[in-house]
Amino acid sequence: MNPANSEAVLRRLSHYARCLGLAVADGIDTVTSEYLAGPCGTTSASVRKDLSIFGEFGKRGSGYPARDLLREIREVLGITETPPLVLIGAGRVGRAIAEGGIPGGGYTVEAVFDTDRELTGLPAGGLIVRHTDELAGMEGGLEDRIGIIAVTPGRAQEAADILVGFGCRSILCLNMEPVSVPEDVTLRRTEMATELDLLTHAMNSRR
């Protein structure tokens, strides 16, 4: 596999971008590989190796210009312009996302939908919850938008089917349950319970 397409490398680049964004916001002009390694959970050698895959950045021993490196990484990841997010689910989790946004990523929830007509018309983070039937009226369709599923347990497949039916090809599912999508649809998951299981295992291992 081309290392430039490695999920592990791209994931670390995303972490570097978050750290660099904070550095730039704090007025830091130059960062070192050690600066990026700590909060990103890797080593300075790994940082240098990851960056070397995509070209020469900075000078050895002098660090990296934070703003320039952030721009370069965003270009590599293709996130100089982030796609809008369409949220399915206006329950507690969905409303928390709509109201709090996506910290540090530059992503914006464009619209919130739900299948429950009792929830439609209610406010959610400055937006108004709309019924999923209204997805058909989204200008430009859903192909260039990311769908986020944050529904009650047992409803994730229904939500995925709705998104796919309206043309969405990129989906992040926050539900821990089986979901099937066509081969041309990319489905990712965020499984908080799994991360907590791993932390619990590590805690018990130290005893």
Protein backbone atom coordinates (compact mmCIF):
# COMPACT_ATOMS: atom_id res chain seq x y z
CA MET A 1 0.00 0.00 0.00
CA ASN A 2 1.15 3.52 -0.80
CA PRO A 3 1.93 5.04 2.63
CA ALA A 4 0.29 8.27 1.46
CA ASN A 5 -3.02 6.39 1.38
CA SER A 6 -2.51 4.58 4.69
CA GLU A 7 -5.41 5.19 7.06
CA ALA A 8 -3.03 5.21 10.02
CA VAL A 9 -0.89 7.94 8.42
CA LEU A 10 -3.91 10.01 7.40
CA ARG A 11 -5.35 9.68 10.90
CA ARG A 12 -2.11 10.99 12.39
CA LEU A 13 -2.05 13.86 9.90
CA SER A 14 -5.52 14.79 11.08
CA HIS A 15 -4.22 14.84 14.65
CA TYR A 16 -1.28 17.02 13.60
CA ALA A 17 -3.68 19.43 11.93
CA ARG A 18 -5.67 19.79 15.16
CA CYS A 19 -2.50 20.47 17.17
CA LEU A 20 -1.25 22.95 14.58
CA GLY A 21 -4.59 24.74 14.57
CA LEU A 22 -4.29 25.24 18.32
CA ALA A 23 -0.68 26.39 17.95
CA VAL A 24 -1.60 28.97 15.32
CA ALA A 25 -4.51 30.17 17.48
CA ASP A 26 -2.05 30.60 20.38
CA GLY A 27 0.30 32.67 18.21
CA ILE A 28 3.02 30.02 17.94
CA ASP A 29 4.99 30.52 14.72
CA THR A 30 7.25 27.44 14.76
CA VAL A 31 6.67 23.94 16.08
CA THR A 32 8.96 20.93 16.41
CA SER A 33 8.28 17.26 15.82
CA GLU A 34 8.40 16.82 19.60
CA TYR A 35 5.68 19.46 19.99
CA LEU A 36 3.37 17.49 17.68
CA ALA A 37 4.32 14.06 18.98
CA GLY A 38 3.19 14.45 22.59
CA PRO A 39 -0.48 15.38 22.28
CA CYS A 40 -0.87 13.22 19.17
CA GLY A 41 0.26 10.07 20.98
CA THR A 42 3.23 9.27 18.77
CA THR A 43 7.00 9.89 18.60
CA SER A 44 8.97 12.71 17.06
CA ALA A 45 10.55 10.19 14.65
CA SER A 46 7.09 9.11 13.50
CA VAL A 47 6.07 12.72 12.97
CA ARG A 48 9.10 13.36 10.78
CA LYS A 49 8.54 10.12 8.87
CA ASP A 50 4.88 10.90 8.26
CA LEU A 51 5.63 14.39 6.98
CA SER A 52 8.48 13.19 4.77
CA ILE A 53 6.01 11.05 2.79
CA PHE A 54 4.46 14.21 1.39
CA GLY A 55 7.57 16.32 0.84
CA GLU A 56 10.08 18.49 2.63
CA PHE A 57 8.69 20.67 5.41
CA GLY A 58 10.88 23.01 7.46
CA LYS A 59 14.60 22.59 8.11
CA ARG A 60 16.24 19.95 10.25
CA GLY A 61 16.83 21.36 13.73
CA SER A 62 14.77 24.48 13.02
CA GLY A 63 11.26 23.13 13.34
CA TYR A 64 8.28 23.70 11.08
CA PRO A 65 6.47 26.96 10.28
CA ALA A 66 3.15 26.22 12.01
CA ARG A 67 0.84 28.10 9.66
CA ASP A 68 2.51 26.80 6.49
CA LEU A 69 2.56 23.20 7.75
CA LEU A 70 -1.10 23.42 8.73
CA ARG A 71 -1.97 24.63 5.23
CA GLU A 72 0.06 21.84 3.61
CA ILE A 73 -1.54 19.12 5.76
CA ARG A 74 -5.01 20.45 5.05
CA GLU A 75 -4.25 20.30 1.33
CA VAL A 76 -3.01 16.71 1.64
CA LEU A 77 -6.17 15.73 3.52
CA GLY A 78 -8.37 17.71 1.15
CA ILE A 79 -9.94 19.68 3.99
CA THR A 80 -9.09 23.21 2.91
CA GLU A 81 -12.85 23.43 2.36
CA THR A 82 -14.82 21.07 4.58
CA PRO A 83 -18.14 19.66 3.38
CA PRO A 84 -21.34 20.54 5.25
CA LEU A 85 -22.80 18.01 7.67
CA VAL A 86 -26.36 16.71 7.65
CA LEU A 87 -27.44 15.29 10.99
CA ILE A 88 -30.08 12.56 11.29
CA GLY A 89 -31.44 12.37 14.82
CA ALA A 90 -32.70 15.19 17.04
CA GLY A 91 -32.58 13.32 20.34
CA ARG A 92 -30.16 14.06 23.16
CA VAL A 93 -27.01 13.09 21.26
CA GLY A 94 -28.05 14.75 18.04
CA ARG A 95 -29.06 17.96 19.75
CA ALA A 96 -25.76 18.05 21.65
CA ILE A 97 -23.89 17.85 18.35
CA ALA A 98 -26.10 20.50 16.74
CA GLU A 99 -25.66 22.83 19.70
CA GLY A 100 -21.97 22.20 20.42
CA GLY A 101 -20.71 21.68 16.89
CA ILE A 102 -17.61 19.66 15.96
CA PRO A 103 -14.74 21.03 18.06
CA GLY A 104 -11.58 21.99 16.20
CA GLY A 105 -12.43 20.53 12.83
CA GLY A 106 -13.98 23.41 10.93
CA TYR A 107 -17.05 21.32 10.17
CA THR A 108 -20.52 22.84 10.37
CA VAL A 109 -23.85 21.11 10.86
CA GLU A 110 -25.95 22.49 8.03
CA ALA A 111 -29.27 20.84 8.84
CA VAL A 112 -30.91 18.52 11.38
CA PHE A 113 -33.51 15.94 10.44
CA ASP A 114 -35.62 13.38 12.27
CA THR A 115 -38.34 10.88 11.37
CA ASP A 116 -40.36 11.87 14.46
CA ARG A 117 -42.84 14.56 13.49
CA GLU A 118 -43.16 15.57 17.15
CA LEU A 119 -39.56 16.78 17.01
CA THR A 120 -39.81 18.64 13.71
CA GLY A 121 -40.11 22.37 14.07
CA LEU A 122 -38.16 22.42 17.34
CA PRO A 123 -34.91 24.42 17.64
CA ALA A 124 -31.55 22.62 17.71
CA GLY A 125 -28.36 24.65 17.90
CA GLY A 126 -29.70 27.60 15.92
CA LEU A 127 -31.33 25.28 13.39
CA ILE A 128 -34.88 24.01 13.10
CA VAL A 129 -35.40 20.23 13.09
CA ARG A 130 -36.90 19.13 9.80
CA HIS A 131 -38.58 15.88 8.86
CA THR A 132 -36.45 13.48 6.82
CA ASP A 133 -38.97 13.77 3.96
CA GLU A 134 -37.51 17.23 3.38
CA LEU A 135 -34.10 15.78 2.48
CA ALA A 136 -35.41 15.64 -1.07
CA GLY A 137 -35.36 19.43 -1.13
CA MET A 138 -31.68 19.83 -0.20
CA GLU A 139 -30.12 21.96 -2.92
CA GLY A 140 -27.43 20.01 -4.73
CA GLY A 141 -28.40 16.74 -3.07
CA LEU A 142 -26.38 14.86 -0.48
CA GLU A 143 -23.51 13.51 -2.56
CA ASP A 144 -21.17 16.32 -1.45
CA ARG A 145 -22.36 16.31 2.15
CA ILE A 146 -21.47 14.04 5.08
CA GLY A 147 -24.36 12.42 6.88
CA ILE A 148 -24.14 11.85 10.63
CA ILE A 149 -26.38 9.24 12.24
CA ALA A 150 -27.23 9.93 15.88
CA VAL A 151 -30.55 8.15 16.37
CA THR A 152 -32.10 6.03 19.09
CA PRO A 153 -30.82 2.43 19.30
CA GLY A 154 -32.25 0.16 16.65
CA ARG A 155 -32.89 2.96 14.13
CA ALA A 156 -29.44 3.33 12.56
CA GLN A 157 -30.16 1.14 9.53
CA GLU A 158 -33.31 3.11 8.80
CA ALA A 159 -31.35 6.36 9.00
CA ALA A 160 -28.61 4.98 6.75
CA ASP A 161 -31.16 3.84 4.19
CA ILE A 162 -32.72 7.31 4.18
CA LEU A 163 -29.36 9.02 3.64
CA VAL A 164 -28.30 6.60 0.90
CA GLY A 165 -31.70 6.91 -0.74
CA PHE A 166 -31.20 10.65 -1.07
CA GLY A 167 -27.70 10.28 -2.53
CA CYS A 168 -25.40 10.51 0.51
CA ARG A 169 -22.17 8.57 -0.03
CA SER A 170 -20.25 9.50 3.15
CA ILE A 171 -21.73 8.55 6.52
CA LEU A 172 -20.51 8.72 10.12
CA CYS A 173 -22.55 6.47 12.41
CA LEU A 174 -22.57 7.14 16.16
CA ASN A 175 -24.73 4.09 16.87
CA MET A 176 -23.12 0.80 17.90
CA GLU A 177 -25.27 -1.59 15.86
CA PRO A 178 -25.05 -3.42 12.53
CA VAL A 179 -25.52 -1.14 9.52
CA SER A 180 -25.22 -2.18 5.89
CA VAL A 181 -24.59 0.25 3.04
CA PRO A 182 -23.83 -0.20 -0.69
CA GLU A 183 -20.21 -0.67 -1.76
CA ASP A 184 -20.00 2.87 -3.15
CA VAL A 185 -20.88 4.37 0.25
CA THR A 186 -18.18 5.01 2.87
CA LEU A 187 -19.37 4.28 6.40
CA ARG A 188 -17.30 5.20 9.44
CA ARG A 189 -18.10 4.70 13.12
CA THR A 190 -17.22 6.45 16.35
CA GLU A 191 -17.52 3.90 19.13
CA MET A 192 -17.12 5.59 22.49
CA ALA A 193 -18.07 2.42 24.38
CA THR A 194 -15.16 0.55 22.76
CA GLU A 195 -12.70 3.27 23.78
CA LEU A 196 -14.05 3.09 27.34
CA ASP A 197 -13.64 -0.70 27.30
CA LEU A 198 -9.99 -0.27 26.33
CA LEU A 199 -9.45 2.31 29.08
CA THR A 200 -11.08 -0.01 31.61
CA HIS A 201 -8.85 -2.86 30.48
CA ALA A 202 -5.77 -0.66 30.90
CA MET A 203 -6.97 0.44 34.34
CA ASN A 204 -7.46 -3.15 35.48
CA SER A 205 -4.09 -4.18 34.04
CA ARG A 206 -2.33 -1.68 36.29
CA ARG A 207 -3.81 -3.17 39.46
